Amino acid sequence: MARWGRWSVGAALLLTMVLGLAACGGNSGSSAETAGAGNTGKGQTNAAPESTAGNTQGENATRTVVDEFGEVVVPAHPQRVAAIYLEDYLTALGVTPVVQWYHPNWGKQDYLKLTAPQFDITGSLEQLLDINPDLIIVDGAVDAAQYELYSKIAPTYRLKEEILQDSTAILRAVADVMNMPEQAEAVLAEYEQKVAEGKAKLEQAVGKEKVAVLRLNVADKSIALFGVKNRLTGLIYSQFGLEPVPMAAEMSEFQVLLSEEVVPDLEAEHIIVFPANGTWEDPENQQALKQLEGPLWKNIPAIQNGKVYKIERSHWQSGAITANSMKLDDLLKSMVK
């Protein structure tokens, strides 16, 4: 039987104590930062969620769709959508979310420039009661137990596990739940054309010169190298055609912390670097960048030739469709003269 998760506000308020337990430690599976740390998913697919017709006429029209946990009844034409950590896909479809994902340590998706209220994922789900969404869309950070709690606030769709590493499939899935698949295809056609043109320009300007993506982890003064399988940045190799440094190409992990012993062997002719949090104006990030001026780094070609590119972190720590397009913009601005 399909699930309709809508309770009355009065009944939902009785769940406050329960809901308060849900977000503390549960939303850890697919934030930008934790994704960079090692979520692997189950591969890529272009499959959109299955859907069937329902009461599709009138203000209270509904549809039945199939998500990770089975069938769920959703509004045929949702008006107030909370897409937790999926706001990028929603805005790409021209829909403004009613709330935006936020973490006190990691911030929010600043690149989207949303003015919607913030939903602190480390706090209680009770926050969403005041937002009053008519549809909630969640990603792999939400397990079955949390899903049931979200469903008591509004009908909730959880992305299928097999598409979590594929931004194209995610866009199509979100568009299907929103009942606007044609818009997804238009967005993807524009994106694919942009990638094809950008890839050609990068190939001409950079060729097979080796590229490294680094993140400065200010909290512990470490530097992370992102590998080719990193779902946030791996597309610069797989889609945009750039050549990874051998160390990144051989990694099975999403990221590794660079030890002093391996830094001289990095072989990077281009370095893309961004901080884990904040902006380059922050004194702590400026200080962290000085690590690349140390003696261990002086013989790396990118350092010697001034080909270190300081990138704003927000969209580089997201694997969503708009963020990926902005990464290409950054690369073209930095590498193509």
Protein backbone atom coordinates (compact mmCIF):
# COMPACT_ATOMS: atom_id res chain seq x y z
CA MET A 1 0.00 0.00 0.00
CA ALA A 2 1.25 3.47 -0.84
CA ARG A 3 2.12 5.71 2.07
CA TRP A 4 0.57 9.11 2.70
CA GLY A 5 2.63 10.68 5.45
CA ARG A 6 0.51 13.71 6.27
CA TRP A 7 -0.60 14.10 9.88
CA SER A 8 -2.46 16.97 11.40
CA VAL A 9 -0.22 19.61 12.94
CA GLY A 10 -1.70 18.85 16.34
CA ALA A 11 -0.78 15.19 16.08
CA ALA A 12 2.63 15.97 14.68
CA LEU A 13 3.44 18.23 17.58
CA LEU A 14 3.06 15.25 19.87
CA LEU A 15 6.11 13.79 18.13
CA THR A 16 8.41 16.63 19.13
CA MET A 17 10.41 14.56 21.56
CA VAL A 18 10.80 11.76 19.04
CA LEU A 19 11.61 14.01 16.13
CA GLY A 20 14.31 15.73 18.16
CA LEU A 21 16.28 12.48 18.14
CA ALA A 22 16.30 12.05 14.40
CA ALA A 23 18.75 14.56 13.03
CA CYS A 24 21.45 14.22 15.70
CA GLY A 25 23.89 11.91 13.98
CA GLY A 26 21.58 10.70 11.25
CA ASN A 27 22.22 13.07 8.36
CA SER A 28 25.77 11.89 7.93
CA GLY A 29 25.67 9.92 4.75
CA SER A 30 25.72 12.38 1.89
CA SER A 31 26.57 15.89 2.91
CA ALA A 32 29.27 17.46 0.79
CA GLU A 33 31.93 16.93 3.42
CA THR A 34 31.09 13.34 4.28
CA ALA A 35 30.65 12.49 0.63
CA GLY A 36 34.21 13.62 0.07
CA ALA A 37 35.29 11.35 2.90
CA GLY A 38 34.22 8.06 1.47
CA ASN A 39 30.61 7.24 0.51
CA THR A 40 30.72 4.87 -2.41
CA GLY A 41 27.13 4.17 -3.44
CA LYS A 42 26.24 1.37 -5.87
CA GLY A 43 27.24 2.75 -9.25
CA GLN A 44 25.49 4.90 -11.79
CA THR A 45 22.23 4.65 -13.65
CA ASN A 46 19.94 6.98 -15.56
CA ALA A 47 16.84 5.33 -14.15
CA ALA A 48 14.07 7.70 -13.08
CA PRO A 49 11.67 6.70 -10.29
CA GLU A 50 8.70 4.60 -11.28
CA SER A 51 5.41 6.43 -11.07
CA THR A 52 1.77 5.61 -11.56
CA ALA A 53 -1.27 7.74 -12.05
CA GLY A 54 -3.42 8.72 -9.10
CA ASN A 55 -5.99 11.41 -8.45
CA THR A 56 -4.30 13.87 -10.81
CA GLN A 57 -7.10 16.40 -11.08
CA GLY A 58 -7.81 19.39 -8.85
CA GLU A 59 -6.04 21.15 -6.00
CA ASN A 60 -5.57 17.95 -3.99
CA ALA A 61 -4.41 15.83 -6.92
CA THR A 62 -1.94 13.05 -6.10
CA ARG A 63 0.36 10.57 -7.81
CA THR A 64 1.99 7.37 -6.61
CA VAL A 65 5.75 7.05 -7.10
CA VAL A 66 8.26 4.40 -6.05
CA ASP A 67 11.27 5.41 -4.00
CA GLU A 68 13.99 3.51 -2.09
CA PHE A 69 11.49 2.19 0.44
CA GLY A 70 8.48 1.47 -1.76
CA GLU A 71 5.39 3.31 -2.99
CA VAL A 72 4.49 6.74 -1.69
CA VAL A 73 1.63 9.07 -2.58
CA VAL A 74 2.84 12.59 -3.41
CA PRO A 75 1.09 15.75 -4.59
CA ALA A 76 0.66 15.81 -8.35
CA HIS A 77 1.66 19.46 -8.37
CA PRO A 78 3.69 20.18 -5.20
CA GLN A 79 3.91 23.83 -4.19
CA ARG A 80 6.00 23.83 -1.00
CA VAL A 81 8.96 21.51 -1.45
CA ALA A 82 11.75 20.79 1.01
CA ALA A 83 14.59 19.05 -0.83
CA ILE A 84 17.13 18.34 1.91
CA TYR A 85 20.63 18.75 0.42
CA LEU A 86 18.99 18.50 -3.01
CA GLU A 87 18.18 22.19 -3.33
CA ASP A 88 20.57 22.50 -6.28
CA TYR A 89 18.48 20.13 -8.40
CA LEU A 90 15.25 21.85 -7.43
CA THR A 91 16.55 25.30 -8.39
CA ALA A 92 17.94 23.90 -11.64
CA LEU A 93 14.35 22.97 -12.48
CA GLY A 94 13.23 26.51 -11.74
CA VAL A 95 11.62 25.67 -8.39
CA THR A 96 12.44 27.62 -5.22
CA PRO A 97 12.68 25.38 -2.13
CA VAL A 98 10.87 26.43 1.05
CA VAL A 99 13.90 25.61 3.22
CA GLN A 100 17.64 25.13 2.74
CA TRP A 101 20.05 22.61 4.23
CA TYR A 102 22.46 23.93 6.85
CA HIS A 103 25.14 22.50 9.16
CA PRO A 104 26.73 24.70 11.86
CA ASN A 105 30.22 23.43 11.03
CA TRP A 106 29.95 23.24 7.24
CA GLY A 107 27.58 26.11 6.52
CA LYS A 108 25.13 25.91 3.64
CA GLN A 109 25.20 25.83 -0.15
CA ASP A 110 26.16 29.47 -0.49
CA TYR A 111 26.55 29.27 -4.26
CA LEU A 112 22.79 28.89 -4.67
CA LYS A 113 22.20 32.28 -2.99
CA LEU A 114 18.92 31.10 -1.50
CA THR A 115 16.95 33.25 0.92
CA ALA A 116 14.83 30.36 2.23
CA PRO A 117 14.91 29.61 5.98
CA GLN A 118 17.74 27.33 7.08
CA PHE A 119 17.10 23.76 8.22
CA ASP A 120 19.82 22.80 10.70
CA ILE A 121 20.34 19.09 10.07
CA THR A 122 21.99 18.67 13.48
CA GLY A 123 18.81 19.78 15.23
CA SER A 124 15.25 18.53 15.50
CA LEU A 125 13.01 17.70 12.57
CA GLU A 126 10.41 19.79 14.39
CA GLN A 127 11.85 22.77 12.47
CA LEU A 128 10.07 21.51 9.37
CA LEU A 129 6.65 21.64 11.02
CA ASP A 130 6.69 25.44 10.92
CA ILE A 131 7.80 25.37 7.27
CA ASN A 132 4.74 23.25 6.39
CA PRO A 133 6.07 21.55 3.22
CA ASP A 134 3.68 19.55 1.05
CA LEU A 135 6.54 17.35 -0.21
CA ILE A 136 9.95 16.38 1.21
CA ILE A 137 12.73 14.93 -0.95
CA VAL A 138 15.75 13.39 0.76
CA ASP A 139 18.97 11.66 -0.29
CA GLY A 140 21.14 8.82 0.98
CA ALA A 141 21.74 10.43 4.38
CA VAL A 142 18.26 9.34 5.44
CA ASP A 143 17.77 5.75 6.57
CA ALA A 144 14.47 3.91 6.98
CA ALA A 145 13.89 5.04 10.56
CA GLN A 146 14.51 8.71 9.77
CA TYR A 147 12.42 8.37 6.65
CA GLU A 148 9.40 7.38 8.69
CA LEU A 149 9.84 10.48 10.85
CA TYR A 150 10.10 12.76 7.82
CA SER A 151 6.98 11.07 6.43
CA LYS A 152 4.99 12.11 9.49
CA ILE A 153 5.60 15.74 8.53
CA ALA A 154 4.81 15.49 4.81
CA PRO A 155 4.88 12.92 2.00
CA THR A 156 8.55 12.02 1.64
CA TYR A 157 10.48 10.68 -1.33
CA ARG A 158 13.90 9.12 -0.69
CA LEU A 159 16.24 8.78 -3.67
CA LYS A 160 17.03 5.25 -4.71
CA GLU A 161 20.37 3.97 -3.53
CA GLU A 162 21.65 3.05 -6.99
CA ILE A 163 21.54 6.63 -8.32
CA LEU A 164 23.22 8.47 -5.44
CA GLN A 165 26.52 8.90 -7.31
CA ASP A 166 24.96 10.12 -10.57
CA SER A 167 23.91 13.77 -10.77
CA THR A 168 22.10 13.20 -14.07
CA ALA A 169 19.97 10.40 -12.63
CA ILE A 170 19.29 12.44 -9.49
CA LEU A 171 18.07 15.40 -11.54
CA ARG A 172 15.73 13.13 -13.47
CA ALA A 173 14.46 11.53 -10.27
CA VAL A 174 13.75 14.88 -8.61
CA ALA A 175 12.05 16.11 -11.79
CA ASP A 176 9.89 12.99 -11.94
CA VAL A 177 8.72 13.43 -8.34
CA MET A 178 7.98 17.07 -9.14
CA ASN A 179 6.02 15.91 -12.21
CA MET A 180 8.16 17.94 -14.60
CA PRO A 181 10.40 15.49 -16.50
CA GLU A 182 10.56 17.65 -19.63
CA GLN A 183 12.28 20.42 -17.67
CA ALA A 184 14.98 17.98 -16.56
CA GLU A 185 15.72 17.00 -20.15
CA ALA A 186 16.01 20.65 -21.15
CA VAL A 187 18.46 21.34 -18.30
CA LEU A 188 20.52 18.26 -19.19
CA ALA A 189 20.66 19.13 -22.89
CA GLU A 190 22.03 22.58 -22.06
CA TYR A 191 24.51 21.14 -19.55
CA GLU A 192 25.79 18.49 -21.96
CA GLN A 193 26.37 21.06 -24.68
CA LYS A 194 28.26 23.27 -22.23
CA VAL A 195 30.42 20.33 -21.11
CA ALA A 196 31.25 19.35 -24.68
CA GLU A 197 32.34 22.88 -25.55
CA GLY A 198 34.25 23.34 -22.30
CA LYS A 199 36.02 20.01 -22.58
CA ALA A 200 37.30 20.94 -26.03
CA LYS A 201 38.68 24.24 -24.72
CA LEU A 202 40.37 22.57 -21.76
CA GLU A 203 41.92 19.91 -24.00
CA GLN A 204 43.41 22.58 -26.22
CA ALA A 205 44.70 24.68 -23.31
CA VAL A 206 45.83 21.99 -20.88
CA GLY A 207 46.17 18.77 -22.83
CA LYS A 208 47.59 15.96 -20.68
CA GLU A 209 49.10 18.17 -18.01
CA LYS A 210 48.40 16.65 -14.62
CA VAL A 211 45.85 18.17 -12.25
CA ALA A 212 45.38 17.79 -8.48
CA VAL A 213 42.40 18.86 -6.39
CA LEU A 214 43.28 19.77 -2.80
CA ARG A 215 41.18 20.74 0.19
CA LEU A 216 42.66 22.61 3.15
CA ASN A 217 41.25 21.17 6.36
CA VAL A 218 41.92 24.08 8.68
CA ALA A 219 40.65 22.36 11.82
CA ASP A 220 43.46 19.79 11.88
CA LYS A 221 45.88 21.61 9.56
CA SER A 222 45.80 18.77 7.04
CA ILE A 223 45.58 18.77 3.25
CA ALA A 224 43.35 16.28 1.45
CA LEU A 225 43.90 15.07 -2.11
CA PHE A 226 40.64 14.20 -3.87
CA GLY A 227 40.76 11.09 -6.07
CA VAL A 228 39.18 10.29 -9.41
CA LYS A 229 36.29 8.50 -7.71
CA ASN A 230 35.34 11.44 -5.53
CA ARG A 231 31.72 12.19 -6.32
CA LEU A 232 32.23 15.92 -5.78
CA THR A 233 35.22 16.54 -8.05
CA GLY A 234 35.86 13.34 -10.00
CA LEU A 235 33.86 14.67 -12.94
CA ILE A 236 36.66 17.09 -13.86
CA TYR A 237 38.48 13.98 -15.05
CA SER A 238 35.61 11.75 -16.22
CA GLN A 239 33.49 14.47 -17.87
CA PHE A 240 35.75 17.45 -18.46
CA GLY A 241 38.72 15.44 -19.72
CA LEU A 242 41.46 16.67 -17.37
CA GLU A 243 44.36 14.36 -16.51
CA PRO A 244 44.68 13.43 -12.82
CA VAL A 245 48.01 13.22 -11.04
CA PRO A 246 49.03 9.54 -10.77
CA MET A 247 48.43 9.58 -7.03
CA ALA A 248 44.79 10.58 -7.55
CA ALA A 249 44.30 8.20 -10.47
CA GLU A 250 45.37 5.23 -8.35
CA MET A 251 43.16 6.05 -5.36
CA SER A 252 40.21 3.85 -4.52
CA GLU A 253 39.24 6.22 -1.69
CA PHE A 254 37.36 9.46 -2.25
CA GLN A 255 40.17 11.36 -0.54
CA VAL A 256 43.45 10.83 1.31
CA LEU A 257 45.36 13.13 3.63
CA LEU A 258 48.74 14.02 2.20
CA SER A 259 51.63 13.07 4.45
CA GLU A 260 54.87 15.01 4.31
CA GLU A 261 56.60 12.03 2.72
CA VAL A 262 54.41 11.97 -0.40
CA VAL A 263 54.08 15.71 -1.06
CA PRO A 264 57.26 15.91 -3.22
CA ASP A 265 55.85 13.14 -5.43
CA LEU A 266 52.56 14.88 -6.18
CA GLU A 267 53.64 15.71 -9.80
CA ALA A 268 50.90 18.29 -10.24
CA GLU A 269 51.20 20.78 -13.10
CA HIS A 270 47.95 22.42 -12.02
CA ILE A 271 46.55 22.59 -8.48
CA ILE A 272 42.94 23.41 -7.64
CA VAL A 273 42.64 24.29 -3.96
CA PHE A 274 39.77 25.32 -1.69
CA PRO A 275 39.19 25.51 2.09
CA ALA A 276 36.96 23.11 3.97
CA ASN A 277 34.86 26.00 5.24
CA GLY A 278 34.53 29.76 4.99
CA THR A 279 36.06 31.95 2.29
CA TRP A 280 39.55 32.99 1.22
CA GLU A 281 39.03 36.24 3.11
CA ASP A 282 39.08 34.34 6.41
CA PRO A 283 42.50 34.72 8.12
CA GLU A 284 42.66 31.04 9.03
CA ASN A 285 42.24 30.03 5.39
CA GLN A 286 44.89 32.50 4.25
CA GLN A 287 47.24 31.02 6.85
CA ALA A 288 46.42 27.46 5.76
CA LEU A 289 47.27 28.30 2.16
CA LYS A 290 50.80 29.19 3.22
CA GLN A 291 51.45 25.47 3.68
CA LEU A 292 51.88 25.34 -0.10
CA GLU A 293 54.79 27.76 0.24
CA GLY A 294 56.78 25.33 2.41
CA PRO A 295 59.98 23.57 1.30
CA LEU A 296 58.19 20.28 0.60
CA TRP A 297 56.13 21.96 -2.13
CA LYS A 298 58.75 24.08 -3.87
CA ASN A 299 59.66 21.55 -6.59
CA ILE A 300 56.11 20.78 -7.66
CA PRO A 301 55.59 22.19 -11.20
CA ALA A 302 52.29 23.90 -10.35
CA ILE A 303 53.97 25.79 -7.52
CA GLN A 304 56.99 26.71 -9.62
CA ASN A 305 54.89 27.97 -12.52
CA GLY A 306 52.20 29.81 -10.56
CA LYS A 307 49.41 27.44 -11.60
CA VAL A 308 47.68 27.16 -8.25
CA TYR A 309 44.02 28.16 -8.51
CA LYS A 310 42.18 29.32 -5.40
CA ILE A 311 38.56 28.24 -5.80
CA GLU A 312 35.54 29.12 -3.70
CA ARG A 313 34.62 26.01 -1.76
CA SER A 314 30.81 26.01 -1.73
CA HIS A 315 30.07 24.53 -5.15
CA TRP A 316 33.25 22.41 -5.17
CA GLN A 317 31.86 20.57 -2.16
CA SER A 318 28.65 19.68 -3.92
CA GLY A 319 28.17 17.10 -6.65
CA ALA A 320 24.90 18.53 -7.95
CA ILE A 321 24.14 19.74 -11.46
CA THR A 322 24.41 23.51 -10.95
CA ALA A 323 27.55 23.11 -8.87
CA ASN A 324 29.14 20.97 -11.57
CA SER A 325 28.40 23.60 -14.19
CA MET A 326 30.06 26.22 -11.97
CA LYS A 327 33.15 24.01 -11.58
CA LEU A 328 33.53 24.02 -15.34
CA ASP A 329 33.23 27.82 -15.32
CA ASP A 330 36.05 27.99 -12.73
CA LEU A 331 38.31 25.71 -14.76
CA LEU A 332 37.79 27.63 -17.97
CA LYS A 333 38.47 30.94 -16.20
CA SER A 334 41.62 29.62 -14.54
CA MET A 335 43.16 27.44 -17.24
CA VAL A 336 42.05 28.79 -20.58
CA LYS A 337 43.71 32.06 -21.53
